[in-house]
Protein backbone atom coordinates (compact mmCIF):
# COMPACT_ATOMS: atom_id res chain seq x y z
CA UNK A 1 0.00 0.00 0.00
CA UNK A 2 1.15 3.53 -0.76
CA UNK A 3 1.10 5.64 2.43
CA UNK A 4 0.81 9.41 2.41
CA UNK A 5 3.36 11.45 4.37
CA UNK A 6 0.55 12.90 6.54
CA UNK A 7 -2.02 10.50 7.95
CA UNK A 8 -5.29 11.14 9.69
CA UNK A 9 -5.91 9.30 12.97
CA UNK A 10 -7.66 6.24 11.46
CA UNK A 11 -4.98 5.98 8.75
CA UNK A 12 -2.24 6.37 11.37
CA UNK A 13 -3.76 3.49 13.34
CA UNK A 14 -3.80 1.28 10.25
CA UNK A 15 -0.25 2.33 9.30
CA UNK A 16 1.10 1.41 12.75
CA UNK A 17 -0.54 -2.01 12.55
CA UNK A 18 0.43 -2.75 8.94
CA UNK A 19 4.01 -1.45 9.01
CA UNK A 20 5.11 -1.99 12.62
CA UNK A 21 2.64 -4.52 14.05
CA UNK A 22 1.72 -1.98 16.76
CA UNK A 23 -1.98 -2.10 17.61
CA UNK A 24 -3.22 1.38 18.52
CA UNK A 25 -6.87 2.04 17.75
CA UNK A 26 -7.87 5.55 16.66
CA UNK A 27 -9.50 6.05 20.08
CA UNK A 28 -6.24 5.05 21.76
CA UNK A 29 -4.31 7.58 19.67
CA UNK A 30 -6.87 10.24 20.61
CA UNK A 31 -6.50 9.36 24.29
CA UNK A 32 -2.70 9.49 24.06
CA UNK A 33 -2.91 12.86 22.29
CA UNK A 34 -4.90 14.14 25.25
CA UNK A 35 -2.85 12.50 28.05
CA UNK A 36 0.56 12.48 26.40
CA UNK A 37 2.81 9.57 25.54
CA UNK A 38 1.62 9.06 21.98
CA UNK A 39 3.20 9.97 18.67
CA UNK A 40 3.67 13.64 17.80
CA UNK A 41 0.86 15.12 15.76
CA UNK A 42 -0.36 18.39 14.35
CA UNK A 43 -3.74 20.05 14.32
CA UNK A 44 -5.13 21.34 11.07
CA UNK A 45 -8.10 23.46 12.00
CA UNK A 46 -10.20 22.62 15.03
CA UNK A 47 -10.88 18.94 14.43
CA UNK A 48 -8.43 17.46 11.94
CA UNK A 49 -5.48 15.71 13.54
CA UNK A 50 -2.62 14.56 11.32
CA UNK A 51 0.42 12.41 12.07
CA UNK A 52 3.63 12.51 10.07
CA UNK A 53 4.93 9.06 9.09
CA UNK A 54 8.37 9.80 10.55
CA UNK A 55 6.78 10.57 13.94
CA UNK A 56 4.75 7.36 13.80
CA UNK A 57 7.89 5.36 12.96
CA UNK A 58 9.81 6.95 15.85
CA UNK A 59 6.98 6.33 18.32
CA UNK A 60 6.56 2.71 17.20
CA UNK A 61 10.29 2.13 17.77
CA UNK A 62 9.89 3.21 21.41
CA UNK A 63 7.14 0.60 21.88
CA UNK A 64 9.39 -2.32 20.92
CA UNK A 65 11.83 -4.18 23.13
CA UNK A 66 15.44 -4.66 22.24
CA UNK A 67 16.24 -7.60 19.97
CA UNK A 68 16.65 -10.83 21.93
CA UNK A 69 17.25 -14.48 21.24
CA UNK A 70 14.82 -15.85 23.82
CA UNK A 71 12.04 -14.77 26.16
CA UNK A 72 14.30 -15.37 29.15
CA UNK A 73 16.42 -12.40 28.03
CA UNK A 74 13.34 -10.16 28.26
CA UNK A 75 12.40 -11.52 31.70
CA UNK A 76 15.92 -10.82 32.96
CA UNK A 77 15.62 -7.21 31.77
CA UNK A 78 12.32 -6.68 33.62
CA UNK A 79 13.06 -8.59 36.86
CA UNK A 80 14.06 -6.39 39.79
CA UNK A 81 17.50 -7.01 41.20
CA UNK A 82 17.01 -9.77 43.76
CA UNK A 83 20.47 -9.93 45.31
CA UNK A 84 20.42 -10.97 48.98
CA UNK A 85 20.71 -8.08 51.40
CA UNK A 86 23.38 -8.04 54.09
CA UNK A 87 22.07 -8.85 57.59
PDB file of N, CA and C in Angstrom:
ATOM      1  N   UNK A   1       0.836  -1.190   0.000  1.00  0.00           N
ATOM      2  CA  UNK A   1       0.000   0.000   0.000  1.00  0.00           C
ATOM      3  C   UNK A   1       0.879   1.251   0.000  1.00  0.00           C
ATOM      4  N   UNK A   2       0.444   2.253  -0.700  1.00  0.00           N
ATOM      5  CA  UNK A   2       1.153   3.530  -0.758  1.00  0.00           C
ATOM      6  C   UNK A   2       0.628   4.430   0.364  1.00  0.00           C
ATOM      7  N   UNK A   3       1.498   4.809   1.298  1.00  0.00           N
ATOM      8  CA  UNK A   3       1.097   5.639   2.434  1.00  0.00           C
ATOM      9  C   UNK A   3       1.471   7.087   2.185  1.00  0.00           C
ATOM     10  N   UNK A   4       0.563   7.975   2.493  1.00  0.00           N
ATOM     11  CA  UNK A   4       0.813   9.415   2.406  1.00  0.00           C
ATOM     12  C   UNK A   4       1.815   9.815   3.496  1.00  0.00           C
ATOM     13  N   UNK A   5       2.434  10.961   3.344  1.00  0.00           N
ATOM     14  CA  UNK A   5       3.358  11.450   4.366  1.00  0.00           C
ATOM     15  C   UNK A   5       2.582  11.868   5.611  1.00  0.00           C
ATOM     16  N   UNK A   6       1.409  12.488   5.438  1.00  0.00           N
ATOM     17  CA  UNK A   6       0.551  12.902   6.543  1.00  0.00           C
ATOM     18  C   UNK A   6      -0.655  11.980   6.599  1.00  0.00           C
ATOM     19  N   UNK A   7      -0.929  11.454   7.779  1.00  0.00           N
ATOM     20  CA  UNK A   7      -2.022  10.497   7.949  1.00  0.00           C
ATOM     21  C   UNK A   7      -3.007  10.988   8.997  1.00  0.00           C
ATOM     22  N   UNK A   8      -4.277  10.848   8.695  1.00  0.00           N
ATOM     23  CA  UNK A   8      -5.294  11.143   9.694  1.00  0.00           C
ATOM     24  C   UNK A   8      -5.290  10.024  10.723  1.00  0.00           C
ATOM     25  N   UNK A   9      -6.006  10.222  11.825  1.00  0.00           N
ATOM     26  CA  UNK A   9      -5.911   9.300  12.966  1.00  0.00           C
ATOM     27  C   UNK A   9      -6.235   7.852  12.581  1.00  0.00           C
ATOM     28  N   UNK A  10      -7.297   7.609  11.851  1.00  0.00           N
ATOM     29  CA  UNK A  10      -7.655   6.239  11.461  1.00  0.00           C
ATOM     30  C   UNK A  10      -6.583   5.640  10.545  1.00  0.00           C
ATOM     31  N   UNK A  11      -6.050   6.451   9.637  1.00  0.00           N
ATOM     32  CA  UNK A  11      -4.983   5.985   8.750  1.00  0.00           C
ATOM     33  C   UNK A  11      -3.709   5.710   9.549  1.00  0.00           C
ATOM     34  N   UNK A  12      -3.421   6.562  10.532  1.00  0.00           N
ATOM     35  CA  UNK A  12      -2.235   6.367  11.373  1.00  0.00           C
ATOM     36  C   UNK A  12      -2.344   5.051  12.136  1.00  0.00           C
ATOM     37  N   UNK A  13      -3.528   4.750  12.637  1.00  0.00           N
ATOM     38  CA  UNK A  13      -3.757   3.491  13.338  1.00  0.00           C
ATOM     39  C   UNK A  13      -3.488   2.300  12.425  1.00  0.00           C
ATOM     40  N   UNK A  14      -4.000   2.357  11.225  1.00  0.00           N
ATOM     41  CA  UNK A  14      -3.797   1.279  10.251  1.00  0.00           C
ATOM     42  C   UNK A  14      -2.326   1.177   9.846  1.00  0.00           C
ATOM     43  N   UNK A  15      -1.664   2.305   9.658  1.00  0.00           N
ATOM     44  CA  UNK A  15      -0.248   2.330   9.304  1.00  0.00           C
ATOM     45  C   UNK A  15       0.591   1.654  10.387  1.00  0.00           C
ATOM     46  N   UNK A  16       0.342   2.010  11.647  1.00  0.00           N
ATOM     47  CA  UNK A  16       1.097   1.411  12.752  1.00  0.00           C
ATOM     48  C   UNK A  16       0.935  -0.100  12.775  1.00  0.00           C
ATOM     49  N   UNK A  17      -0.292  -0.576  12.539  1.00  0.00           N
ATOM     50  CA  UNK A  17      -0.542  -2.013  12.546  1.00  0.00           C
ATOM     51  C   UNK A  17       0.120  -2.691  11.344  1.00  0.00           C
ATOM     52  N   UNK A  18      -0.068  -2.120  10.159  1.00  0.00           N
ATOM     53  CA  UNK A  18       0.432  -2.745   8.936  1.00  0.00           C
ATOM     54  C   UNK A  18       1.951  -2.723   8.831  1.00  0.00           C
ATOM     55  N   UNK A  19       2.564  -1.618   9.205  1.00  0.00           N
ATOM     56  CA  UNK A  19       4.006  -1.452   9.008  1.00  0.00           C
ATOM     57  C   UNK A  19       4.822  -1.946  10.199  1.00  0.00           C
ATOM     58  N   UNK A  20       4.319  -1.698  11.416  1.00  0.00           N
ATOM     59  CA  UNK A  20       5.105  -1.994  12.619  1.00  0.00           C
ATOM     60  C   UNK A  20       4.511  -3.100  13.494  1.00  0.00           C
ATOM     61  N   UNK A  21       3.279  -3.510  13.211  1.00  0.00           N
ATOM     62  CA  UNK A  21       2.641  -4.516  14.055  1.00  0.00           C
ATOM     63  C   UNK A  21       2.209  -3.954  15.398  1.00  0.00           C
ATOM     64  N   UNK A  22       2.135  -2.635  15.516  1.00  0.00           N
ATOM     65  CA  UNK A  22       1.715  -1.977  16.757  1.00  0.00           C
ATOM     66  C   UNK A  22       0.214  -1.719  16.665  1.00  0.00           C
ATOM     67  N   UNK A  23      -0.535  -2.286  17.598  1.00  0.00           N
ATOM     68  CA  UNK A  23      -1.977  -2.099  17.608  1.00  0.00           C
ATOM     69  C   UNK A  23      -2.306  -0.876  18.464  1.00  0.00           C
ATOM     70  N   UNK A  24      -2.807   0.158  17.836  1.00  0.00           N
ATOM     71  CA  UNK A  24      -3.219   1.382  18.517  1.00  0.00           C
ATOM     72  C   UNK A  24      -4.462   1.890  17.786  1.00  0.00           C
ATOM     73  N   UNK A  25      -5.612   1.627  18.355  1.00  0.00           N
ATOM     74  CA  UNK A  25      -6.874   2.044  17.746  1.00  0.00           C
ATOM     75  C   UNK A  25      -6.927   3.564  17.650  1.00  0.00           C
ATOM     76  N   UNK A  26      -7.725   4.104  16.747  1.00  0.00           N
ATOM     77  CA  UNK A  26      -7.867   5.551  16.657  1.00  0.00           C
ATOM     78  C   UNK A  26      -8.254   6.182  18.006  1.00  0.00           C
ATOM     79  N   UNK A  27      -9.115   5.524  18.765  1.00  0.00           N
ATOM     80  CA  UNK A  27      -9.502   6.052  20.082  1.00  0.00           C
ATOM     81  C   UNK A  27      -8.312   6.072  21.035  1.00  0.00           C
ATOM     82  N   UNK A  28      -7.441   5.081  20.926  1.00  0.00           N
ATOM     83  CA  UNK A  28      -6.236   5.053  21.760  1.00  0.00           C
ATOM     84  C   UNK A  28      -5.310   6.206  21.394  1.00  0.00           C
ATOM     85  N   UNK A  29      -5.147   6.456  20.102  1.00  0.00           N
ATOM     86  CA  UNK A  29      -4.311   7.575  19.668  1.00  0.00           C
ATOM     87  C   UNK A  29      -4.899   8.900  20.142  1.00  0.00           C
ATOM     88  N   UNK A  30      -6.224   9.023  20.119  1.00  0.00           N
ATOM     89  CA  UNK A  30      -6.874  10.238  20.608  1.00  0.00           C
ATOM     90  C   UNK A  30      -6.625  10.406  22.103  1.00  0.00           C
ATOM     91  N   UNK A  31      -6.733   9.319  22.849  1.00  0.00           N
ATOM     92  CA  UNK A  31      -6.504   9.361  24.286  1.00  0.00           C
ATOM     93  C   UNK A  31      -5.054   9.746  24.584  1.00  0.00           C
ATOM     94  N   UNK A  32      -4.112   9.159  23.860  1.00  0.00           N
ATOM     95  CA  UNK A  32      -2.701   9.488  24.063  1.00  0.00           C
ATOM     96  C   UNK A  32      -2.396  10.935  23.676  1.00  0.00           C
ATOM     97  N   UNK A  33      -3.100  11.452  22.671  1.00  0.00           N
ATOM     98  CA  UNK A  33      -2.910  12.857  22.291  1.00  0.00           C
ATOM     99  C   UNK A  33      -3.370  13.766  23.426  1.00  0.00           C
ATOM    100  N   UNK A  34      -4.383  13.347  24.131  1.00  0.00           N
ATOM    101  CA  UNK A  34      -4.905  14.140  25.253  1.00  0.00           C
ATOM    102  C   UNK A  34      -4.010  14.008  26.494  1.00  0.00           C
ATOM    103  N   UNK A  35      -3.623  12.781  26.831  1.00  0.00           N
ATOM    104  CA  UNK A  35      -2.847  12.498  28.049  1.00  0.00           C
ATOM    105  C   UNK A  35      -1.358  12.707  27.869  1.00  0.00           C
ATOM    106  N   UNK A  36      -0.877  12.470  26.658  1.00  0.00           N
ATOM    107  CA  UNK A  36       0.556  12.479  26.397  1.00  0.00           C
ATOM    108  C   UNK A  36       1.065  11.058  26.280  1.00  0.00           C
ATOM    109  N   UNK A  37       2.209  10.889  25.682  1.00  0.00           N
ATOM    110  CA  UNK A  37       2.811   9.570  25.539  1.00  0.00           C
ATOM    111  C   UNK A  37       2.616   8.952  24.170  1.00  0.00           C
ATOM    112  N   UNK A  38       1.858   9.594  23.322  1.00  0.00           N
ATOM    113  CA  UNK A  38       1.624   9.064  21.980  1.00  0.00           C
ATOM    114  C   UNK A  38       2.565   9.698  20.974  1.00  0.00           C
ATOM    115  N   UNK A  39       2.361   9.366  19.704  1.00  0.00           N
ATOM    116  CA  UNK A  39       3.198   9.974  18.666  1.00  0.00           C
ATOM    117  C   UNK A  39       2.893  11.466  18.524  1.00  0.00           C
ATOM    118  N   UNK A  40       3.882  12.216  18.057  1.00  0.00           N
ATOM    119  CA  UNK A  40       3.674  13.639  17.800  1.00  0.00           C
ATOM    120  C   UNK A  40       2.643  13.787  16.685  1.00  0.00           C
ATOM    121  N   UNK A  41       1.883  14.861  16.759  1.00  0.00           N
ATOM    122  CA  UNK A  41       0.856  15.117  15.762  1.00  0.00           C
ATOM    123  C   UNK A  41       0.717  16.619  15.566  1.00  0.00           C
ATOM    124  N   UNK A  42      -0.066  16.983  14.587  1.00  0.00           N
ATOM    125  CA  UNK A  42      -0.359  18.393  14.346  1.00  0.00           C
ATOM    126  C   UNK A  42      -1.860  18.552  14.191  1.00  0.00           C
ATOM    127  N   UNK A  43      -2.327  19.738  14.488  1.00  0.00           N
ATOM    128  CA  UNK A  43      -3.736  20.046  14.322  1.00  0.00           C
ATOM    129  C   UNK A  43      -3.889  20.907  13.085  1.00  0.00           C
ATOM    130  N   UNK A  44      -4.818  20.552  12.258  1.00  0.00           N
ATOM    131  CA  UNK A  44      -5.126  21.336  11.068  1.00  0.00           C
ATOM    132  C   UNK A  44      -6.580  21.776  11.224  1.00  0.00           C
ATOM    133  N   UNK A  45      -6.754  22.987  11.674  1.00  0.00           N
ATOM    134  CA  UNK A  45      -8.102  23.455  11.997  1.00  0.00           C
ATOM    135  C   UNK A  45      -8.469  22.991  13.391  1.00  0.00           C
ATOM    136  N   UNK A  46      -9.755  22.983  13.691  1.00  0.00           N
ATOM    137  CA  UNK A  46     -10.201  22.619  15.035  1.00  0.00           C
ATOM    138  C   UNK A  46     -10.283  21.114  15.246  1.00  0.00           C
ATOM    139  N   UNK A  47     -10.579  20.349  14.210  1.00  0.00           N
ATOM    140  CA  UNK A  47     -10.876  18.940  14.428  1.00  0.00           C
ATOM    141  C   UNK A  47      -9.941  17.958  13.719  1.00  0.00           C
ATOM    142  N   UNK A  48      -9.242  18.391  12.724  1.00  0.00           N
ATOM    143  CA  UNK A  48      -8.430  17.463  11.935  1.00  0.00           C
ATOM    144  C   UNK A  48      -7.060  17.279  12.579  1.00  0.00           C
ATOM    145  N   UNK A  49      -6.769  16.067  12.969  1.00  0.00           N
ATOM    146  CA  UNK A  49      -5.476  15.712  13.540  1.00  0.00           C
ATOM    147  C   UNK A  49      -4.704  14.923  12.494  1.00  0.00           C
ATOM    148  N   UNK A  50      -3.441  15.259  12.309  1.00  0.00           N
ATOM    149  CA  UNK A  50      -2.619  14.560  11.319  1.00  0.00           C
ATOM    150  C   UNK A  50      -1.297  14.158  11.955  1.00  0.00           C
ATOM    151  N   UNK A  51      -0.846  12.969  11.583  1.00  0.00           N
ATOM    152  CA  UNK A  51       0.418  12.409  12.069  1.00  0.00           C
ATOM    153  C   UNK A  51       1.372  12.278  10.887  1.00  0.00           C
ATOM    154  N   UNK A  52       2.605  12.671  11.104  1.00  0.00           N
ATOM    155  CA  UNK A  52       3.631  12.506  10.070  1.00  0.00           C
ATOM    156  C   UNK A  52       4.183  11.081  10.192  1.00  0.00           C
ATOM    157  N   UNK A  53       4.420  10.448   9.066  1.00  0.00           N
ATOM    158  CA  UNK A  53       4.926   9.064   9.088  1.00  0.00           C
ATOM    159  C   UNK A  53       6.202   8.924   9.895  1.00  0.00           C
ATOM    160  N   UNK A  54       7.114   9.876   9.792  1.00  0.00           N
ATOM    161  CA  UNK A  54       8.368   9.796  10.551  1.00  0.00           C
ATOM    162  C   UNK A  54       8.106   9.768  12.053  1.00  0.00           C
ATOM    163  N   UNK A  55       7.120  10.551  12.510  1.00  0.00           N
ATOM    164  CA  UNK A  55       6.784  10.570  13.936  1.00  0.00           C
ATOM    165  C   UNK A  55       6.146   9.253  14.367  1.00  0.00           C
ATOM    166  N   UNK A  56       5.336   8.663  13.497  1.00  0.00           N
ATOM    167  CA  UNK A  56       4.745   7.358  13.802  1.00  0.00           C
ATOM    168  C   UNK A  56       5.827   6.281  13.885  1.00  0.00           C
ATOM    169  N   UNK A  57       6.787   6.333  12.954  1.00  0.00           N
ATOM    170  CA  UNK A  57       7.887   5.362  12.964  1.00  0.00           C
ATOM    171  C   UNK A  57       8.712   5.486  14.245  1.00  0.00           C
ATOM    172  N   UNK A  58       9.016   6.728  14.635  1.00  0.00           N
ATOM    173  CA  UNK A  58       9.814   6.951  15.848  1.00  0.00           C
ATOM    174  C   UNK A  58       9.062   6.466  17.084  1.00  0.00           C
ATOM    175  N   UNK A  59       7.769   6.750  17.163  1.00  0.00           N
ATOM    176  CA  UNK A  59       6.979   6.328  18.321  1.00  0.00           C
ATOM    177  C   UNK A  59       6.876   4.803  18.376  1.00  0.00           C
ATOM    178  N   UNK A  60       6.656   4.167  17.242  1.00  0.00           N
ATOM    179  CA  UNK A  60       6.557   2.706  17.196  1.00  0.00           C
ATOM    180  C   UNK A  60       7.861   2.075  17.680  1.00  0.00           C
ATOM    181  N   UNK A  61       8.990   2.669  17.338  1.00  0.00           N
ATOM    182  CA  UNK A  61      10.290   2.132  17.768  1.00  0.00           C
ATOM    183  C   UNK A  61      10.416   2.152  19.286  1.00  0.00           C
ATOM    184  N   UNK A  62       9.816   3.149  19.943  1.00  0.00           N
ATOM    185  CA  UNK A  62       9.888   3.206  21.409  1.00  0.00           C
ATOM    186  C   UNK A  62       9.003   2.169  22.069  1.00  0.00           C
ATOM    187  N   UNK A  63       8.071   1.594  21.335  1.00  0.00           N
ATOM    188  CA  UNK A  63       7.142   0.600  21.876  1.00  0.00           C
ATOM    189  C   UNK A  63       7.696  -0.822  21.779  1.00  0.00           C
ATOM    190  N   UNK A  64       8.828  -0.988  21.138  1.00  0.00           N
ATOM    191  CA  UNK A  64       9.395  -2.317  20.923  1.00  0.00           C
ATOM    192  C   UNK A  64      10.556  -2.563  21.877  1.00  0.00           C
ATOM    193  N   UNK A  65      10.708  -3.814  22.272  1.00  0.00           N
ATOM    194  CA  UNK A  65      11.831  -4.180  23.132  1.00  0.00           C
ATOM    195  C   UNK A  65      13.097  -4.268  22.289  1.00  0.00           C
ATOM    196  N   UNK A  66      14.191  -4.434  22.970  1.00  0.00           N
ATOM    197  CA  UNK A  66      15.442  -4.663  22.240  1.00  0.00           C
ATOM    198  C   UNK A  66      15.368  -6.041  21.589  1.00  0.00           C
ATOM    199  N   UNK A  67      16.226  -6.312  20.657  1.00  0.00           N
ATOM    200  CA  UNK A  67      16.242  -7.600  19.971  1.00  0.00           C
ATOM    201  C   UNK A  67      16.857  -8.641  20.905  1.00  0.00           C
ATOM    202  N   UNK A  68      16.187  -9.776  21.045  1.00  0.00           N
ATOM    203  CA  UNK A  68      16.652 -10.833  21.933  1.00  0.00           C
ATOM    204  C   UNK A  68      16.582 -12.169  21.223  1.00  0.00           C
ATOM    205  N   UNK A  69      17.260 -13.142  21.799  1.00  0.00           N
ATOM    206  CA  UNK A  69      17.254 -14.484  21.237  1.00  0.00           C
ATOM    207  C   UNK A  69      16.268 -15.413  21.922  1.00  0.00           C
ATOM    208  N   UNK A  70      15.788 -15.029  23.114  1.00  0.00           N
ATOM    209  CA  UNK A  70      14.817 -15.854  23.825  1.00  0.00           C
ATOM    210  C   UNK A  70      14.017 -14.990  24.792  1.00  0.00           C
ATOM    211  N   UNK A  71      12.881 -15.520  25.229  1.00  0.00           N
ATOM    212  CA  UNK A  71      12.037 -14.774  26.159  1.00  0.00           C
ATOM    213  C   UNK A  71      12.715 -14.606  27.513  1.00  0.00           C
ATOM    214  N   UNK A  72      13.627 -15.505  27.861  1.00  0.00           N
ATOM    215  CA  UNK A  72      14.305 -15.369  29.151  1.00  0.00           C
ATOM    216  C   UNK A  72      15.156 -14.099  29.193  1.00  0.00           C
ATOM    217  N   UNK A  73      15.647 -13.648  28.065  1.00  0.00           N
ATOM    218  CA  UNK A  73      16.417 -12.404  28.032  1.00  0.00           C
ATOM    219  C   UNK A  73      15.525 -11.206  28.359  1.00  0.00           C
ATOM    220  N   UNK A  74      14.269 -11.244  27.930  1.00  0.00           N
ATOM    221  CA  UNK A  74      13.343 -10.165  28.256  1.00  0.00           C
ATOM    222  C   UNK A  74      12.967 -10.206  29.730  1.00  0.00           C
ATOM    223  N   UNK A  75      12.736 -11.392  30.273  1.00  0.00           N
ATOM    224  CA  UNK A  75      12.405 -11.515  31.698  1.00  0.00           C
ATOM    225  C   UNK A  75      13.533 -10.976  32.559  1.00  0.00           C
ATOM    226  N   UNK A  76      14.760 -11.282  32.186  1.00  0.00           N
ATOM    227  CA  UNK A  76      15.918 -10.821  32.959  1.00  0.00           C
ATOM    228  C   UNK A  76      15.986  -9.296  32.953  1.00  0.00           C
ATOM    229  N   UNK A  77      15.583  -8.668  31.862  1.00  0.00           N
ATOM    230  CA  UNK A  77      15.623  -7.214  31.771  1.00  0.00           C
ATOM    231  C   UNK A  77      14.547  -6.551  32.618  1.00  0.00           C
ATOM    232  N   UNK A  78      13.435  -7.268  32.884  1.00  0.00           N
ATOM    233  CA  UNK A  78      12.322  -6.680  33.619  1.00  0.00           C
ATOM    234  C   UNK A  78      12.207  -7.178  35.054  1.00  0.00           C
ATOM    235  N   UNK A  79      13.104  -8.072  35.497  1.00  0.00           N
ATOM    236  CA  UNK A  79      13.060  -8.589  36.860  1.00  0.00           C
ATOM    237  C   UNK A  79      13.881  -7.676  37.756  1.00  0.00           C
ATOM    238  N   UNK A  80      13.289  -7.236  38.881  1.00  0.00           N
ATOM    239  CA  UNK A  80      14.058  -6.393  39.789  1.00  0.00           C
ATOM    240  C   UNK A  80      15.284  -7.151  40.328  1.00  0.00           C
ATOM    241  N   UNK A  81      16.282  -6.403  40.669  1.00  0.00           N
ATOM    242  CA  UNK A  81      17.501  -7.005  41.197  1.00  0.00           C
ATOM    243  C   UNK A  81      17.165  -7.708  42.505  1.00  0.00           C
ATOM    244  N   UNK A  82      17.399  -8.999  42.572  1.00  0.00           N
ATOM    245  CA  UNK A  82      17.010  -9.768  43.760  1.00  0.00           C
ATOM    246  C   UNK A  82      18.228 -10.310  44.510  1.00  0.00           C
ATOM    247  N   UNK A  83      19.287  -9.508  44.561  1.00  0.00           N
ATOM    248  CA  UNK A  83      20.467  -9.931  45.311  1.00  0.00           C
ATOM    249  C   UNK A  83      20.136  -9.953  46.804  1.00  0.00           C
ATOM    250  N   UNK A  84      20.684 -10.918  47.542  1.00  0.00           N
ATOM    251  CA  UNK A  84      20.418 -10.966  48.978  1.00  0.00           C
ATOM    252  C   UNK A  84      20.980  -9.728  49.675  1.00  0.00           C
ATOM    253  N   UNK A  85      20.259  -9.242  50.649  1.00  0.00           N
ATOM    254  CA  UNK A  85      20.712  -8.077  51.403  1.00  0.00           C
ATOM    255  C   UNK A  85      21.555  -8.528  52.587  1.00  0.00           C
ATOM    256  N   UNK A  86      22.523  -7.723  52.948  1.00  0.00           N
ATOM    257  CA  UNK A  86      23.377  -8.042  54.093  1.00  0.00           C
ATOM    258  C   UNK A  86      22.575  -7.917  55.383  1.00  0.00           C
ATOM    259  N   UNK A  87      22.826  -8.858  56.315  1.00  0.00           N
ATOM    260  CA  UNK A  87      22.072  -8.849  57.594  1.00  0.00           C
ATOM    261  C   UNK A  87      22.658  -7.896  58.586  1.00  0.00           C
TER     262      UNK A  87
END
